[in-house]
C-alpha atoms as a PDB file:
ATOM      1  CA  MET A   1      -3.969 -20.705 -23.856  1.00  0.00           C
ATOM      2  CA  ALA A   2      -1.026 -19.598 -21.692  1.00  0.00           C
ATOM      3  CA  ARG A   3      -1.725 -18.282 -18.221  1.00  0.00           C
ATOM      4  CA  GLU A   4      -1.357 -14.555 -17.619  1.00  0.00           C
ATOM      5  CA  PHE A   5       0.632 -15.149 -14.436  1.00  0.00           C
ATOM      6  CA  ASP A   6       2.069 -17.899 -12.251  1.00  0.00           C
ATOM      7  CA  HIS A   7       1.518 -16.186  -8.892  1.00  0.00           C
ATOM      8  CA  LEU A   8      -0.870 -13.504  -7.647  1.00  0.00           C
ATOM      9  CA  PHE A   9      -0.141 -11.392  -4.564  1.00  0.00           C
ATOM     10  CA  LYS A  10      -2.254  -8.680  -2.968  1.00  0.00           C
ATOM     11  CA  LEU A  11      -0.284  -5.905  -1.273  1.00  0.00           C
ATOM     12  CA  LEU A  12      -1.760  -3.124   0.841  1.00  0.00           C
ATOM     13  CA  ILE A  13      -0.207   0.337   1.301  1.00  0.00           C
ATOM     14  CA  ILE A  14      -1.295   2.078   4.514  1.00  0.00           C
ATOM     15  CA  GLY A  15      -0.268   5.126   6.525  1.00  0.00           C
ATOM     16  CA  ASP A  16      -1.383   8.592   7.524  1.00  0.00           C
ATOM     17  CA  SER A  17      -2.962  10.932   5.012  1.00  0.00           C
ATOM     18  CA  GLY A  18      -0.490  12.849   2.837  1.00  0.00           C
ATOM     19  CA  VAL A  19       2.604  10.700   3.471  1.00  0.00           C
ATOM     20  CA  GLY A  20       3.069   9.612  -0.157  1.00  0.00           C
ATOM     21  CA  LYS A  21       1.197   6.312  -0.472  1.00  0.00           C
ATOM     22  CA  SER A  22      -0.387   7.224  -3.814  1.00  0.00           C
ATOM     23  CA  CYS A  23       2.924   8.579  -5.169  1.00  0.00           C
ATOM     24  CA  LEU A  24       4.618   5.312  -4.222  1.00  0.00           C
ATOM     25  CA  LEU A  25       1.901   3.336  -6.004  1.00  0.00           C
ATOM     26  CA  LEU A  26       2.069   5.481  -9.159  1.00  0.00           C
ATOM     27  CA  ARG A  27       5.869   5.270  -9.309  1.00  0.00           C
ATOM     28  CA  PHE A  28       5.974   1.499  -8.862  1.00  0.00           C
ATOM     29  CA  ALA A  29       2.973   0.525 -11.004  1.00  0.00           C
ATOM     30  CA  ASP A  30       3.036   3.147 -13.778  1.00  0.00           C
ATOM     31  CA  ASN A  31       6.551   4.624 -13.472  1.00  0.00           C
ATOM     32  CA  THR A  32       4.995   8.091 -13.180  1.00  0.00           C
ATOM     33  CA  PHE A  33       5.189  10.824 -10.568  1.00  0.00           C
ATOM     34  CA  SER A  34       2.710  13.509  -9.589  1.00  0.00           C
ATOM     35  CA  GLY A  35       3.857  16.315  -7.335  1.00  0.00           C
ATOM     36  CA  SER A  36       0.290  17.367  -6.590  1.00  0.00           C
ATOM     37  CA  TYR A  37      -1.555  15.942  -3.611  1.00  0.00           C
ATOM     38  CA  ILE A  38      -4.982  14.420  -4.223  1.00  0.00           C
ATOM     39  CA  THR A  39      -6.704  12.681  -1.317  1.00  0.00           C
ATOM     40  CA  THR A  40      -7.544   9.021  -1.904  1.00  0.00           C
ATOM     41  CA  ILE A  41     -11.219   8.392  -1.232  1.00  0.00           C
ATOM     42  CA  GLY A  42     -11.661   4.877   0.171  1.00  0.00           C
ATOM     43  CA  VAL A  43      -9.185   2.778  -1.821  1.00  0.00           C
ATOM     44  CA  ASP A  44      -7.532   2.628  -5.229  1.00  0.00           C
ATOM     45  CA  PHE A  45      -5.467  -0.147  -6.752  1.00  0.00           C
ATOM     46  CA  LYS A  46      -3.104  -0.824  -9.608  1.00  0.00           C
ATOM     47  CA  ILE A  47      -1.631  -3.978 -11.073  1.00  0.00           C
ATOM     48  CA  ARG A  48       1.969  -4.669 -11.997  1.00  0.00           C
ATOM     49  CA  THR A  49       3.269  -7.918 -13.417  1.00  0.00           C
ATOM     50  CA  LEU A  50       6.926  -8.811 -12.946  1.00  0.00           C
ATOM     51  CA  GLU A  51       9.046 -11.692 -14.155  1.00  0.00           C
ATOM     52  CA  ILE A  52      11.009 -13.264 -11.313  1.00  0.00           C
ATOM     53  CA  ASN A  53      13.141 -16.372 -11.859  1.00  0.00           C
ATOM     54  CA  GLY A  54      11.266 -17.150 -15.083  1.00  0.00           C
ATOM     55  CA  GLU A  55       7.825 -16.901 -13.477  1.00  0.00           C
ATOM     56  CA  ARG A  56       5.245 -14.156 -13.977  1.00  0.00           C
ATOM     57  CA  VAL A  57       4.206 -12.588 -10.679  1.00  0.00           C
ATOM     58  CA  LYS A  58       1.118 -10.388 -10.696  1.00  0.00           C
ATOM     59  CA  LEU A  59       0.882  -7.814  -7.907  1.00  0.00           C
ATOM     60  CA  GLN A  60      -2.407  -6.177  -6.948  1.00  0.00           C
ATOM     61  CA  ILE A  61      -1.301  -3.111  -5.007  1.00  0.00           C
ATOM     62  CA  TRP A  62      -3.998  -1.393  -2.966  1.00  0.00           C
ATOM     63  CA  ASP A  63      -3.637   2.255  -1.926  1.00  0.00           C
ATOM     64  CA  THR A  64      -5.792   3.099   1.098  1.00  0.00           C
ATOM     65  CA  ALA A  65      -7.096   6.402   2.412  1.00  0.00           C
ATOM     66  CA  GLY A  66      -5.197   7.603   5.469  1.00  0.00           C
ATOM     67  CA  GLN A  67      -7.982   9.660   7.027  1.00  0.00           C
ATOM     68  CA  GLU A  68      -9.657   8.328  10.153  1.00  0.00           C
ATOM     69  CA  ARG A  69     -13.123   8.635   8.590  1.00  0.00           C
ATOM     70  CA  PHE A  70     -12.236   5.914   6.058  1.00  0.00           C
ATOM     71  CA  ARG A  71     -10.796   3.500   8.649  1.00  0.00           C
ATOM     72  CA  THR A  72     -13.846   1.187   8.657  1.00  0.00           C
ATOM     73  CA  ILE A  73     -13.800   1.007   4.858  1.00  0.00           C
ATOM     74  CA  THR A  74     -10.086   0.284   4.531  1.00  0.00           C
ATOM     75  CA  SER A  75     -10.034  -2.362   7.286  1.00  0.00           C
ATOM     76  CA  THR A  76     -12.098  -4.665   5.044  1.00  0.00           C
ATOM     77  CA  TYR A  77      -9.309  -4.638   2.453  1.00  0.00           C
ATOM     78  CA  TYR A  78      -6.982  -6.610   4.727  1.00  0.00           C
ATOM     79  CA  ARG A  79      -8.848  -9.781   3.744  1.00  0.00           C
ATOM     80  CA  GLY A  80      -6.743 -11.850   1.348  1.00  0.00           C
ATOM     81  CA  THR A  81      -3.706  -9.592   1.705  1.00  0.00           C
ATOM     82  CA  HIS A  82      -0.253 -11.171   1.382  1.00  0.00           C
ATOM     83  CA  GLY A  83       1.797  -8.174   2.531  1.00  0.00           C
ATOM     84  CA  VAL A  84       1.428  -4.672   3.929  1.00  0.00           C
ATOM     85  CA  ILE A  85       3.647  -1.613   3.451  1.00  0.00           C
ATOM     86  CA  VAL A  86       3.331   1.069   6.141  1.00  0.00           C
ATOM     87  CA  VAL A  87       4.391   4.479   4.802  1.00  0.00           C
ATOM     88  CA  TYR A  88       5.303   7.557   6.842  1.00  0.00           C
ATOM     89  CA  ASP A  89       6.728  10.976   5.957  1.00  0.00           C
ATOM     90  CA  VAL A  90      10.301  11.360   7.245  1.00  0.00           C
ATOM     91  CA  THR A  91       9.674  15.104   7.746  1.00  0.00           C
ATOM     92  CA  ASN A  92       6.526  14.525   9.825  1.00  0.00           C
ATOM     93  CA  GLY A  93       7.158  13.211  13.331  1.00  0.00           C
ATOM     94  CA  GLU A  94       3.472  12.565  13.944  1.00  0.00           C
ATOM     95  CA  SER A  95       3.225  10.258  10.920  1.00  0.00           C
ATOM     96  CA  PHE A  96       6.225   8.304  12.258  1.00  0.00           C
ATOM     97  CA  ALA A  97       4.685   8.116  15.747  1.00  0.00           C
ATOM     98  CA  ASN A  98       1.504   6.731  14.168  1.00  0.00           C
ATOM     99  CA  VAL A  99       3.406   3.812  12.594  1.00  0.00           C
ATOM    100  CA  LYS A 100       2.905   1.924  15.871  1.00  0.00           C
ATOM    101  CA  ARG A 101      -0.877   2.339  15.528  1.00  0.00           C
ATOM    102  CA  TRP A 102      -0.764   1.149  11.905  1.00  0.00           C
ATOM    103  CA  LEU A 103       1.268  -1.929  12.881  1.00  0.00           C
ATOM    104  CA  HIS A 104      -1.296  -2.681  15.596  1.00  0.00           C
ATOM    105  CA  GLU A 105      -4.079  -2.416  13.001  1.00  0.00           C
ATOM    106  CA  ILE A 106      -2.243  -4.946  10.820  1.00  0.00           C
ATOM    107  CA  GLU A 107      -1.973  -7.347  13.767  1.00  0.00           C
ATOM    108  CA  GLN A 108      -5.718  -6.992  14.411  1.00  0.00           C
ATOM    109  CA  ASN A 109      -6.727  -7.682  10.808  1.00  0.00           C
ATOM    110  CA  CYS A 110      -4.291 -10.165   9.268  1.00  0.00           C
ATOM    111  CA  ASP A 111      -1.147 -12.213   9.752  1.00  0.00           C
ATOM    112  CA  VAL A 112       1.178 -11.068   6.966  1.00  0.00           C
ATOM    113  CA  VAL A 113       4.633  -9.791   6.204  1.00  0.00           C
ATOM    114  CA  ASN A 114       4.825  -6.024   6.741  1.00  0.00           C
ATOM    115  CA  LYS A 115       7.437  -3.400   5.970  1.00  0.00           C
ATOM    116  CA  VAL A 116       7.818   0.200   7.099  1.00  0.00           C
ATOM    117  CA  LEU A 117       8.895   2.759   4.490  1.00  0.00           C
ATOM    118  CA  GLY A 118       9.903   6.350   5.189  1.00  0.00           C
ATOM    119  CA  GLU A 119       9.248   8.695   2.289  1.00  0.00           C
ATOM    120  CA  HIS A 120       9.770  12.355   1.475  1.00  0.00           C
ATOM    121  CA  LEU A 121       8.378  14.027  -1.622  1.00  0.00           C
END
């Protein structure tokens, strides 16, 4: 039986509440868009499989809650992560200022590649 994928990567999407993390996940994984805002409780994830250079790459993409009250829950999801995307809202200066705090949290929890993405819905 053929393998489902050649490589598996876990990616984490983090950032303040309401910056567009869930919209980013839905667009990338399902090619859908929702203009309504629904708070993520804890974490959610989706899977997308891509073919890159003839190999099947499976991405587990984890969407985390941005609220402070979920911080202890979401910090456990850094384990086994291969990359982190920090999202902020380009129209919200506070969310951009908090990027530094999110990058510090990454440093405290894992040693991975991270990217910062500004988004506006």
